[in-house]
Each structure stands twice: as C-alpha cells, then as structure tokens.
Amino acid sequence: MKLEGYKLVFIAIGFIGVLLIASPVLADLIHAPADEQFSELYLLGPEKSAANYPFNIVVGHKYSIYIGVGNHMGSSVCYVLYVKCGNGTDLLPTRERSSSLSRLYEYRVAVQDSLNWESPLVFSVSRGSISGNKSEINALQINGVTFNINKHSIWDSNSTTFKYQLFFELWLYNSSSNKVLYNERFVNLQLNLTRLT
C-alpha cells in the first residue's frame, strides 16, 4: 500500500476515535431535555377571555372574573390559592417571596396532571368611600363572604386613580413536609375605586 493509502486509513481511524471519545458529550447535546415541570396561574375576564377585566369599581356593584390553575407537574397536585387585597403602597408578592398581607379567601383544589381548573370569583366593595384625595375600602365581599379590610388609598395624579389590587398567590401542598409552600406564582387585578357619574 502506498503512503497515500495509509494516510486515508489513519485519518479514518482518527475520525472514528474522535467520535468515540466525544460520543458522551454528543449524546448529552442530542438528548432532548426532560419536560419542564411547572404550574400556571391565570385570570380571565367576565366572558372567560383575557379581556374586559374590571378596573373602575364602585361601592355596591358586583364584578366577575375567573381564576384558573394549570398543572404541568407530571402528577396530580393539591393547590391552595390565596386571595389578598392591597392598596397602591402594599408590596405585591414576587417570584421569591409571597406577600405578607393577610389572606382573605382561599381555594383548595386537586388538579390532575395536564389539566386546568377554573372557577368564577365575584367580588364587590360592600363598604367604602371617597373624600377629597383619599379613598377607603372598609369591607370587601368575595363570593358572598364579607371581609373587613380597611384599606385606604391616596389619589395618584400620575395615573389618576385610587390604586388597589386584588391578587392571587398559588401555593402547593408538599406531602413530605405536610405543609403548603409558595409556588412562585401570582397574578393581580389592578382596581380603581371611583364614584358613579
């Protein structure tokens, strides 16, 4: 065999050797990553769509929304959904921490993997007032249950609103610790207390 023939054999053997050595790395690159496990939390407007959310609210009027949870955790999960109310200065939750505000209302639901749970939520300000540049919500009704909250808001001239928010935190039951743990999911509904015109 001539030198050219040996050269091709050495190149072929070298290439095969490189492939064999690199095969674990290539397998990791080619291997599809496992499905990400997560929960979703969402709000829908009164027509069960992402539109027409209540914003300008009036004392004594009822408003409807839908709250939903989607389970993509790989198995059935028991969720606890806390409903809280804050004003423009209260800190909302973040992905890292839940809100320190008191929970007003809660849902406890078990959701099978790859399914969603939705429920209507009807709320109203049952006692509240506006006086000058200050507003106050004294009592909030959620699904027929009244909660005394005594939240006030100062007129925000930049957004021309009395800022409030109704927000929802998603927690899940951990069977090993027998506790519910914050799931780093929250949604909020911005509200403006206003007068009838």
C-alpha atoms as a PDB file:
ATOM      1  CA  MET A   1       0.000   0.000   0.000  1.00  0.00           C
ATOM      2  CA  LYS A   2       1.248   3.418  -0.858  1.00  0.00           C
ATOM      3  CA  LEU A   3       1.704   6.248   1.632  1.00  0.00           C
ATOM      4  CA  GLU A   4      -1.500   7.910   0.384  1.00  0.00           C
ATOM      5  CA  GLY A   5      -3.492   4.765   1.286  1.00  0.00           C
ATOM      6  CA  TYR A   6      -2.068   4.700   4.838  1.00  0.00           C
ATOM      7  CA  LYS A   7      -2.828   8.389   5.213  1.00  0.00           C
ATOM      8  CA  LEU A   8      -6.532   7.792   4.479  1.00  0.00           C
ATOM      9  CA  VAL A   9      -6.637   4.830   6.910  1.00  0.00           C
ATOM     10  CA  PHE A  10      -5.046   6.940   9.694  1.00  0.00           C
ATOM     11  CA  ILE A  11      -7.471   9.804   9.023  1.00  0.00           C
ATOM     12  CA  ALA A  12     -10.470   7.418   9.117  1.00  0.00           C
ATOM     13  CA  ILE A  13      -9.238   5.754  12.344  1.00  0.00           C
ATOM     14  CA  GLY A  14      -8.548   9.167  13.897  1.00  0.00           C
ATOM     15  CA  PHE A  15     -12.007  10.420  12.965  1.00  0.00           C
ATOM     16  CA  ILE A  16     -13.653   7.291  14.423  1.00  0.00           C
ATOM     17  CA  GLY A  17     -11.560   7.726  17.600  1.00  0.00           C
ATOM     18  CA  VAL A  18     -12.617  11.346  17.960  1.00  0.00           C
ATOM     19  CA  LEU A  19     -16.268  10.331  17.555  1.00  0.00           C
ATOM     20  CA  LEU A  20     -15.925   7.591  20.172  1.00  0.00           C
ATOM     21  CA  ILE A  21     -14.269   9.921  22.654  1.00  0.00           C
ATOM     22  CA  ALA A  22     -16.785  12.721  22.010  1.00  0.00           C
ATOM     23  CA  SER A  23     -19.859  10.454  21.951  1.00  0.00           C
ATOM     24  CA  PRO A  24     -20.888  11.074  25.592  1.00  0.00           C
ATOM     25  CA  VAL A  25     -20.780  14.831  25.019  1.00  0.00           C
ATOM     26  CA  LEU A  26     -22.668  14.483  21.734  1.00  0.00           C
ATOM     27  CA  ALA A  27     -25.261  12.255  23.415  1.00  0.00           C
ATOM     28  CA  ASP A  28     -25.901  14.976  26.010  1.00  0.00           C
ATOM     29  CA  LEU A  29     -26.249  17.594  23.306  1.00  0.00           C
ATOM     30  CA  ILE A  30     -28.548  15.486  21.141  1.00  0.00           C
ATOM     31  CA  HIS A  31     -30.639  14.106  24.015  1.00  0.00           C
ATOM     32  CA  ALA A  32     -33.879  16.068  24.391  1.00  0.00           C
ATOM     33  CA  PRO A  33     -34.161  17.706  27.820  1.00  0.00           C
ATOM     34  CA  ALA A  34     -36.812  16.371  30.168  1.00  0.00           C
ATOM     35  CA  ASP A  35     -40.125  18.188  30.150  1.00  0.00           C
ATOM     36  CA  GLU A  36     -40.090  21.194  32.430  1.00  0.00           C
ATOM     37  CA  GLN A  37     -42.461  20.836  35.369  1.00  0.00           C
ATOM     38  CA  PHE A  38     -44.459  23.935  36.263  1.00  0.00           C
ATOM     39  CA  SER A  39     -47.793  25.280  37.406  1.00  0.00           C
ATOM     40  CA  GLU A  40     -49.642  28.122  35.757  1.00  0.00           C
ATOM     41  CA  LEU A  41     -51.939  30.678  37.332  1.00  0.00           C
ATOM     42  CA  TYR A  42     -54.150  32.982  35.276  1.00  0.00           C
ATOM     43  CA  LEU A  43     -57.059  35.432  35.397  1.00  0.00           C
ATOM     44  CA  LEU A  44     -59.825  35.747  32.834  1.00  0.00           C
ATOM     45  CA  GLY A  45     -62.413  38.470  32.461  1.00  0.00           C
ATOM     46  CA  PRO A  46     -66.171  38.006  32.912  1.00  0.00           C
ATOM     47  CA  GLU A  47     -66.571  36.385  29.461  1.00  0.00           C
ATOM     48  CA  LYS A  48     -63.807  33.832  30.251  1.00  0.00           C
ATOM     49  CA  SER A  49     -61.341  35.608  27.978  1.00  0.00           C
ATOM     50  CA  ALA A  50     -58.275  37.760  28.525  1.00  0.00           C
ATOM     51  CA  ALA A  51     -60.317  40.944  28.091  1.00  0.00           C
ATOM     52  CA  ASN A  52     -62.752  43.284  29.877  1.00  0.00           C
ATOM     53  CA  TYR A  53     -61.207  42.935  33.313  1.00  0.00           C
ATOM     54  CA  PRO A  54     -62.925  45.141  35.897  1.00  0.00           C
ATOM     55  CA  PHE A  55     -60.858  48.226  36.686  1.00  0.00           C
ATOM     56  CA  ASN A  56     -63.081  51.158  37.717  1.00  0.00           C
ATOM     57  CA  ILE A  57     -65.097  49.791  40.617  1.00  0.00           C
ATOM     58  CA  VAL A  58     -67.960  51.386  42.518  1.00  0.00           C
ATOM     59  CA  VAL A  59     -69.160  50.622  46.050  1.00  0.00           C
ATOM     60  CA  GLY A  60     -72.076  48.176  45.997  1.00  0.00           C
ATOM     61  CA  HIS A  61     -71.568  46.846  42.444  1.00  0.00           C
ATOM     62  CA  LYS A  62     -70.622  43.212  41.771  1.00  0.00           C
ATOM     63  CA  TYR A  63     -67.768  42.289  39.427  1.00  0.00           C
ATOM     64  CA  SER A  64     -66.910  38.882  37.981  1.00  0.00           C
ATOM     65  CA  ILE A  65     -63.658  37.308  36.905  1.00  0.00           C
ATOM     66  CA  TYR A  66     -62.383  33.751  36.542  1.00  0.00           C
ATOM     67  CA  ILE A  67     -59.303  32.372  38.241  1.00  0.00           C
ATOM     68  CA  GLY A  68     -57.501  29.364  36.782  1.00  0.00           C
ATOM     69  CA  VAL A  69     -54.699  26.950  37.615  1.00  0.00           C
ATOM     70  CA  GLY A  70     -52.908  24.662  35.144  1.00  0.00           C
ATOM     71  CA  ASN A  71     -50.973  21.624  36.330  1.00  0.00           C
ATOM     72  CA  HIS A  72     -47.895  20.590  34.320  1.00  0.00           C
ATOM     73  CA  MET A  73     -46.036  18.976  37.219  1.00  0.00           C
ATOM     74  CA  GLY A  74     -46.083  15.366  35.961  1.00  0.00           C
ATOM     75  CA  SER A  75     -48.585  14.140  38.580  1.00  0.00           C
ATOM     76  CA  SER A  76     -51.706  15.291  40.427  1.00  0.00           C
ATOM     77  CA  VAL A  77     -51.117  18.260  42.731  1.00  0.00           C
ATOM     78  CA  CYS A  78     -53.096  19.746  45.611  1.00  0.00           C
ATOM     79  CA  TYR A  79     -53.071  23.525  45.290  1.00  0.00           C
ATOM     80  CA  VAL A  80     -54.071  26.282  47.689  1.00  0.00           C
ATOM     81  CA  LEU A  81     -54.902  29.626  46.110  1.00  0.00           C
ATOM     82  CA  TYR A  82     -54.910  32.641  48.435  1.00  0.00           C
ATOM     83  CA  VAL A  83     -56.841  35.806  47.570  1.00  0.00           C
ATOM     84  CA  LYS A  84     -55.456  39.034  49.084  1.00  0.00           C
ATOM     85  CA  CYS A  85     -56.194  42.729  48.716  1.00  0.00           C
ATOM     86  CA  GLY A  86     -53.746  45.616  48.840  1.00  0.00           C
ATOM     87  CA  ASN A  87     -53.521  49.317  48.116  1.00  0.00           C
ATOM     88  CA  GLY A  88     -51.009  51.209  45.994  1.00  0.00           C
ATOM     89  CA  THR A  89     -48.339  51.143  48.696  1.00  0.00           C
ATOM     90  CA  ASP A  90     -48.610  47.495  49.780  1.00  0.00           C
ATOM     91  CA  LEU A  91     -45.895  45.234  48.423  1.00  0.00           C
ATOM     92  CA  LEU A  92     -47.059  42.665  45.923  1.00  0.00           C
ATOM     93  CA  PRO A  93     -45.577  39.181  46.021  1.00  0.00           C
ATOM     94  CA  THR A  94     -42.580  38.358  43.848  1.00  0.00           C
ATOM     95  CA  ARG A  95     -41.329  35.058  42.492  1.00  0.00           C
ATOM     96  CA  GLU A  96     -39.008  34.842  45.503  1.00  0.00           C
ATOM     97  CA  ARG A  97     -41.497  35.641  48.278  1.00  0.00           C
ATOM     98  CA  SER A  98     -45.191  35.730  48.988  1.00  0.00           C
ATOM     99  CA  SER A  99     -46.983  38.839  50.216  1.00  0.00           C
ATOM    100  CA  SER A 100     -47.102  39.437  53.954  1.00  0.00           C
ATOM    101  CA  LEU A 101     -50.713  40.682  53.693  1.00  0.00           C
ATOM    102  CA  SER A 102     -53.443  38.616  55.308  1.00  0.00           C
ATOM    103  CA  ARG A 103     -55.270  36.192  53.079  1.00  0.00           C
ATOM    104  CA  LEU A 104     -58.947  36.901  52.704  1.00  0.00           C
ATOM    105  CA  TYR A 105     -60.273  33.955  50.778  1.00  0.00           C
ATOM    106  CA  GLU A 106     -58.830  30.643  49.667  1.00  0.00           C
ATOM    107  CA  TYR A 107     -59.465  27.834  47.240  1.00  0.00           C
ATOM    108  CA  ARG A 108     -58.221  24.286  47.887  1.00  0.00           C
ATOM    109  CA  VAL A 109     -58.203  22.178  44.739  1.00  0.00           C
ATOM    110  CA  ALA A 110     -56.615  18.981  43.453  1.00  0.00           C
ATOM    111  CA  VAL A 111     -55.703  19.175  39.770  1.00  0.00           C
ATOM    112  CA  GLN A 112     -54.654  16.168  37.708  1.00  0.00           C
ATOM    113  CA  ASP A 113     -51.558  16.424  35.551  1.00  0.00           C
ATOM    114  CA  SER A 114     -52.026  18.262  32.226  1.00  0.00           C
ATOM    115  CA  LEU A 115     -55.443  19.598  33.273  1.00  0.00           C
ATOM    116  CA  ASN A 116     -56.705  23.042  34.255  1.00  0.00           C
ATOM    117  CA  TRP A 117     -59.084  24.122  36.996  1.00  0.00           C
ATOM    118  CA  GLU A 118     -61.138  27.314  36.676  1.00  0.00           C
ATOM    119  CA  SER A 119     -63.611  28.959  38.998  1.00  0.00           C
ATOM    120  CA  PRO A 120     -65.657  32.148  38.909  1.00  0.00           C
ATOM    121  CA  LEU A 121     -64.924  34.795  41.503  1.00  0.00           C
ATOM    122  CA  VAL A 122     -67.470  37.525  42.236  1.00  0.00           C
ATOM    123  CA  PHE A 123     -66.330  40.471  44.311  1.00  0.00           C
ATOM    124  CA  SER A 124     -67.701  43.822  45.424  1.00  0.00           C
ATOM    125  CA  VAL A 125     -66.781  46.660  47.739  1.00  0.00           C
ATOM    126  CA  SER A 126     -69.564  46.422  50.294  1.00  0.00           C
ATOM    127  CA  ARG A 127     -68.371  49.404  52.353  1.00  0.00           C
ATOM    128  CA  GLY A 128     -66.117  52.158  51.086  1.00  0.00           C
ATOM    129  CA  SER A 129     -65.886  55.886  50.485  1.00  0.00           C
ATOM    130  CA  ILE A 130     -64.121  58.674  48.637  1.00  0.00           C
ATOM    131  CA  SER A 131     -63.451  62.006  50.310  1.00  0.00           C
ATOM    132  CA  GLY A 132     -61.246  64.566  48.589  1.00  0.00           C
ATOM    133  CA  ASN A 133     -57.962  62.959  47.648  1.00  0.00           C
ATOM    134  CA  LYS A 134     -58.445  59.914  49.880  1.00  0.00           C
ATOM    135  CA  SER A 135     -60.469  56.742  49.358  1.00  0.00           C
ATOM    136  CA  GLU A 136     -61.120  53.829  51.658  1.00  0.00           C
ATOM    137  CA  ILE A 137     -62.345  50.287  51.229  1.00  0.00           C
ATOM    138  CA  ASN A 138     -63.668  49.116  54.574  1.00  0.00           C
ATOM    139  CA  ALA A 139     -65.243  45.812  53.544  1.00  0.00           C
ATOM    140  CA  LEU A 140     -64.757  43.606  50.512  1.00  0.00           C
ATOM    141  CA  GLN A 141     -67.082  40.770  49.596  1.00  0.00           C
ATOM    142  CA  ILE A 142     -65.674  37.726  47.763  1.00  0.00           C
ATOM    143  CA  ASN A 143     -68.061  35.000  46.587  1.00  0.00           C
ATOM    144  CA  GLY A 144     -70.654  36.133  49.119  1.00  0.00           C
ATOM    145  CA  VAL A 145     -68.285  36.273  52.122  1.00  0.00           C
ATOM    146  CA  THR A 146     -67.567  39.723  53.613  1.00  0.00           C
ATOM    147  CA  PHE A 147     -64.093  40.666  54.861  1.00  0.00           C
ATOM    148  CA  ASN A 148     -63.220  43.803  56.834  1.00  0.00           C
ATOM    149  CA  ILE A 149     -60.038  45.139  55.264  1.00  0.00           C
ATOM    150  CA  ASN A 150     -59.877  48.897  55.991  1.00  0.00           C
ATOM    151  CA  LYS A 151     -57.527  49.783  53.134  1.00  0.00           C
ATOM    152  CA  HIS A 152     -57.044  53.404  52.136  1.00  0.00           C
ATOM    153  CA  SER A 153     -55.506  54.963  49.059  1.00  0.00           C
ATOM    154  CA  ILE A 154     -54.336  58.472  48.261  1.00  0.00           C
ATOM    155  CA  TRP A 155     -55.172  59.935  44.851  1.00  0.00           C
ATOM    156  CA  ASP A 156     -52.374  59.217  42.373  1.00  0.00           C
ATOM    157  CA  SER A 157     -52.318  62.186  39.997  1.00  0.00           C
ATOM    158  CA  ASN A 158     -49.922  60.416  37.595  1.00  0.00           C
ATOM    159  CA  SER A 159     -52.298  57.540  36.920  1.00  0.00           C
ATOM    160  CA  THR A 160     -55.444  59.455  38.021  1.00  0.00           C
ATOM    161  CA  THR A 161     -56.530  56.559  40.230  1.00  0.00           C
ATOM    162  CA  PHE A 162     -57.111  55.415  43.754  1.00  0.00           C
ATOM    163  CA  LYS A 163     -54.910  52.311  43.470  1.00  0.00           C
ATOM    164  CA  TYR A 164     -55.974  48.951  44.834  1.00  0.00           C
ATOM    165  CA  GLN A 165     -55.218  45.424  43.756  1.00  0.00           C
ATOM    166  CA  LEU A 166     -56.879  42.098  44.243  1.00  0.00           C
ATOM    167  CA  PHE A 167     -54.186  39.476  43.894  1.00  0.00           C
ATOM    168  CA  PHE A 168     -53.841  35.732  43.962  1.00  0.00           C
ATOM    169  CA  GLU A 169     -50.937  33.591  45.191  1.00  0.00           C
ATOM    170  CA  LEU A 170     -50.501  29.947  44.231  1.00  0.00           C
ATOM    171  CA  TRP A 171     -49.279  27.532  46.885  1.00  0.00           C
ATOM    172  CA  LEU A 172     -48.934  23.758  46.657  1.00  0.00           C
ATOM    173  CA  TYR A 173     -49.152  21.000  49.177  1.00  0.00           C
ATOM    174  CA  ASN A 174     -45.855  19.240  49.908  1.00  0.00           C
ATOM    175  CA  SER A 175     -46.613  15.751  51.245  1.00  0.00           C
ATOM    176  CA  SER A 176     -43.115  15.170  52.629  1.00  0.00           C
ATOM    177  CA  SER A 177     -43.266  18.239  54.909  1.00  0.00           C
ATOM    178  CA  ASN A 178     -47.069  18.191  55.292  1.00  0.00           C
ATOM    179  CA  LYS A 179     -47.100  21.948  54.520  1.00  0.00           C
ATOM    180  CA  VAL A 180     -48.250  24.235  51.766  1.00  0.00           C
ATOM    181  CA  LEU A 181     -45.365  26.043  50.080  1.00  0.00           C
ATOM    182  CA  TYR A 182     -45.402  29.172  47.951  1.00  0.00           C
ATOM    183  CA  ASN A 183     -45.203  28.148  44.289  1.00  0.00           C
ATOM    184  CA  GLU A 184     -43.657  31.407  42.986  1.00  0.00           C
ATOM    185  CA  ARG A 185     -46.812  32.189  41.005  1.00  0.00           C
ATOM    186  CA  PHE A 186     -49.089  35.179  41.478  1.00  0.00           C
ATOM    187  CA  VAL A 187     -51.406  37.349  39.404  1.00  0.00           C
ATOM    188  CA  ASN A 188     -53.050  40.621  40.298  1.00  0.00           C
ATOM    189  CA  LEU A 189     -56.030  42.647  39.196  1.00  0.00           C
ATOM    190  CA  GLN A 190     -55.475  46.419  39.304  1.00  0.00           C
ATOM    191  CA  LEU A 191     -58.502  48.342  40.596  1.00  0.00           C
ATOM    192  CA  ASN A 192     -59.535  51.994  40.859  1.00  0.00           C
ATOM    193  CA  LEU A 193     -62.226  52.923  43.349  1.00  0.00           C
ATOM    194  CA  THR A 194     -64.462  55.530  41.733  1.00  0.00           C
ATOM    195  CA  ARG A 195     -67.845  57.207  42.113  1.00  0.00           C
ATOM    196  CA  LEU A 196     -70.871  56.690  39.926  1.00  0.00           C
ATOM    197  CA  THR A 197     -71.120  59.539  37.418  1.00  0.00           C
END
